[in-house]
Amino acid sequence: MEIYKILDELEAEIEKCARIPLTDKIVIKDEILFDYIDQMRANVPEDMRTGQLIRDEREKIIEEAKAKANEILTNAKSQVLEITDESEITKLAEQKGDKMLESARRQSEELIRGALEYADDLMSNLQDQFEQNLALIKEGRQQIKDTNKQVD
């Protein structure tokens, strides 16, 4: 992710800074520090946009699964009606139709369950990424504060 690269660059910049003799403090130009902060801010919204895309994809998958389930049910009902035209095979047709409907219901439930699990996995991954980014941002801010204290 871009934010990791920015933090690595900031760390490298801090390591290059001039040290104040006989102290553990460094000197860093505030414009450099502010530039890195601006870059981090500019890259955090990209992660948020990624989250929105994942959320949209999740909704799309669920809607597609529901549409497929409805299509399966409609086809099953249609086939049941076609089979039951003659009186002698009516019982067999009803039994076959019930089995088809049950199969269609199971398939639709499996499709929806699979879509929900996939969406949950995507959201879990996104949450992990946000937590990692937040930890890095907090760490970066702490480094900035520590560096600022050292400069004082």
Protein backbone atom coordinates (compact mmCIF):
# COMPACT_ATOMS: atom_id res chain seq x y z
CA MET A 1 0.00 0.00 0.00
CA GLU A 2 1.12 3.53 -0.71
CA ILE A 3 0.91 4.60 2.94
CA TYR A 4 3.57 2.04 3.90
CA LYS A 5 5.89 3.47 1.27
CA ILE A 6 5.31 6.99 2.61
CA LEU A 7 6.02 5.88 6.17
CA ASP A 8 9.21 4.12 5.02
CA GLU A 9 10.31 7.31 3.24
CA LEU A 10 9.55 9.37 6.36
CA GLU A 11 11.55 6.98 8.49
CA ALA A 12 14.48 7.17 6.06
CA GLU A 13 14.26 10.97 6.09
CA ILE A 14 14.34 10.99 9.91
CA GLU A 15 17.38 8.69 9.88
CA LYS A 16 19.18 11.12 7.50
CA CYS A 17 18.52 14.15 9.70
CA ALA A 18 21.32 16.01 11.41
CA ARG A 19 21.73 15.17 15.06
CA ILE A 20 22.22 17.78 17.78
CA PRO A 21 25.55 17.03 19.49
CA LEU A 22 25.40 15.58 23.00
CA THR A 23 21.63 14.95 22.74
CA ASP A 24 19.37 12.37 21.21
CA LYS A 25 17.58 15.05 19.22
CA ILE A 26 17.50 15.61 15.48
CA VAL A 27 16.78 18.57 13.23
CA ILE A 28 14.20 18.13 10.49
CA LYS A 29 12.66 20.81 8.31
CA ASP A 30 9.01 21.25 9.13
CA GLU A 31 8.12 21.49 5.41
CA ILE A 32 9.48 17.95 4.91
CA LEU A 33 7.46 16.66 7.84
CA PHE A 34 4.29 18.41 6.68
CA ASP A 35 4.80 17.08 3.15
CA TYR A 36 4.81 13.51 4.47
CA ILE A 37 1.74 14.18 6.58
CA ASP A 38 -0.07 15.57 3.52
CA GLN A 39 0.92 12.51 1.49
CA MET A 40 -0.46 10.21 4.20
CA ARG A 41 -3.71 12.12 4.30
CA ALA A 42 -4.00 11.94 0.53
CA ASN A 43 -3.57 8.16 0.56
CA VAL A 44 -5.96 7.26 3.38
CA PRO A 45 -9.04 8.18 1.30
CA GLU A 46 -7.89 5.66 -1.36
CA ASP A 47 -8.29 2.92 1.23
CA MET A 48 -11.74 4.23 2.03
CA ARG A 49 -12.65 4.22 -1.67
CA THR A 50 -11.43 0.62 -1.82
CA GLY A 51 -13.75 -0.18 1.07
CA GLN A 52 -16.68 1.38 -0.78
CA LEU A 53 -15.86 -0.65 -3.90
CA ILE A 54 -15.78 -3.83 -1.84
CA ARG A 55 -19.10 -2.94 -0.22
CA ASP A 56 -20.62 -2.26 -3.66
CA GLU A 57 -19.25 -5.55 -4.98
CA ARG A 58 -20.77 -7.35 -1.98
CA GLU A 59 -24.18 -5.85 -2.72
CA LYS A 60 -23.86 -6.76 -6.39
CA ILE A 61 -22.99 -10.37 -5.53
CA ILE A 62 -25.94 -10.66 -3.16
CA GLU A 63 -28.33 -9.18 -5.73
CA GLU A 64 -27.03 -11.52 -8.43
CA ALA A 65 -27.44 -14.49 -6.09
CA LYS A 66 -31.02 -13.46 -5.29
CA ALA A 67 -31.80 -12.99 -8.99
CA LYS A 68 -30.33 -16.40 -9.81
CA ALA A 69 -32.34 -17.96 -6.96
CA ASN A 70 -35.54 -16.37 -8.26
CA GLU A 71 -34.75 -17.57 -11.77
CA ILE A 72 -34.21 -21.11 -10.50
CA LEU A 73 -37.50 -21.01 -8.56
CA THR A 74 -39.39 -19.61 -11.56
CA ASN A 75 -37.98 -22.29 -13.85
CA ALA A 76 -38.84 -24.99 -11.34
CA LYS A 77 -42.41 -23.73 -11.01
CA SER A 78 -42.72 -23.54 -14.79
CA GLN A 79 -41.50 -27.09 -15.15
CA VAL A 80 -43.93 -28.25 -12.46
CA LEU A 81 -46.83 -26.71 -14.39
CA GLU A 82 -45.74 -28.34 -17.64
CA ILE A 83 -45.46 -31.77 -16.04
CA THR A 84 -48.90 -31.68 -14.41
CA ASP A 85 -50.93 -31.36 -17.65
CA GLU A 86 -52.08 -34.97 -17.79
CA SER A 87 -54.21 -36.44 -14.99
CA GLU A 88 -52.46 -39.82 -14.66
CA ILE A 89 -49.00 -38.32 -14.21
CA THR A 90 -50.22 -35.54 -11.94
CA LYS A 91 -49.04 -37.24 -8.75
CA LEU A 92 -45.65 -38.01 -10.25
CA ALA A 93 -45.41 -34.50 -11.57
CA GLU A 94 -46.25 -33.00 -8.18
CA GLN A 95 -43.64 -35.17 -6.50
CA LYS A 96 -41.04 -34.29 -9.09
CA GLY A 97 -42.04 -30.63 -8.89
CA ASP A 98 -41.72 -30.63 -5.10
CA LYS A 99 -38.27 -32.18 -5.41
CA MET A 100 -37.32 -29.60 -8.01
CA LEU A 101 -38.62 -26.76 -5.86
CA GLU A 102 -36.75 -28.09 -2.85
CA SER A 103 -33.61 -28.46 -4.92
CA ALA A 104 -34.06 -24.93 -6.27
CA ARG A 105 -34.56 -23.58 -2.74
CA ARG A 106 -31.41 -25.35 -1.55
CA GLN A 107 -29.44 -24.03 -4.50
CA SER A 108 -30.67 -20.50 -3.91
CA GLU A 109 -29.84 -20.72 -0.21
CA GLU A 110 -26.38 -22.01 -1.04
CA LEU A 111 -25.84 -19.20 -3.54
CA ILE A 112 -26.94 -16.57 -1.04
CA ARG A 113 -24.91 -18.15 1.77
CA GLY A 114 -21.85 -18.27 -0.46
CA ALA A 115 -22.31 -14.66 -1.50
CA LEU A 116 -22.69 -13.57 2.12
CA GLU A 117 -19.58 -15.50 3.17
CA TYR A 118 -17.61 -13.97 0.31
CA ALA A 119 -18.82 -10.49 1.23
CA ASP A 120 -17.97 -11.11 4.89
CA ASP A 121 -14.45 -12.24 3.93
CA LEU A 122 -13.98 -9.08 1.85
CA MET A 123 -15.19 -6.88 4.70
CA SER A 124 -12.95 -8.74 7.18
CA ASN A 125 -9.93 -8.17 4.94
CA LEU A 126 -10.83 -4.51 4.59
CA GLN A 127 -11.19 -4.18 8.36
CA ASP A 128 -7.75 -5.76 8.84
CA GLN A 129 -6.25 -3.31 6.33
CA PHE A 130 -7.84 -0.33 8.05
CA GLU A 131 -6.62 -1.52 11.46
CA GLN A 132 -3.09 -1.92 10.10
CA ASN A 133 -3.22 1.52 8.49
CA LEU A 134 -4.54 3.07 11.68
CA ALA A 135 -1.73 1.45 13.69
CA LEU A 136 0.83 2.77 11.19
CA ILE A 137 -0.65 6.24 11.28
CA LYS A 138 -0.62 6.23 15.09
CA GLU A 139 2.97 5.02 15.05
CA GLY A 140 3.93 7.69 12.53
CA ARG A 141 2.26 10.38 14.60
CA GLN A 142 4.04 9.13 17.71
CA GLN A 143 7.36 9.26 15.87
CA ILE A 144 6.58 12.80 14.79
CA LYS A 145 5.71 13.76 18.38
CA ASP A 146 8.87 12.08 19.68
CA THR A 147 10.96 13.83 17.05
CA ASN A 148 9.28 17.13 17.86
CA LYS A 149 10.06 16.64 21.57
CA GLN A 150 13.64 15.84 20.68
CA VAL A 151 13.92 19.01 18.63
CA ASP A 152 12.68 21.12 21.56
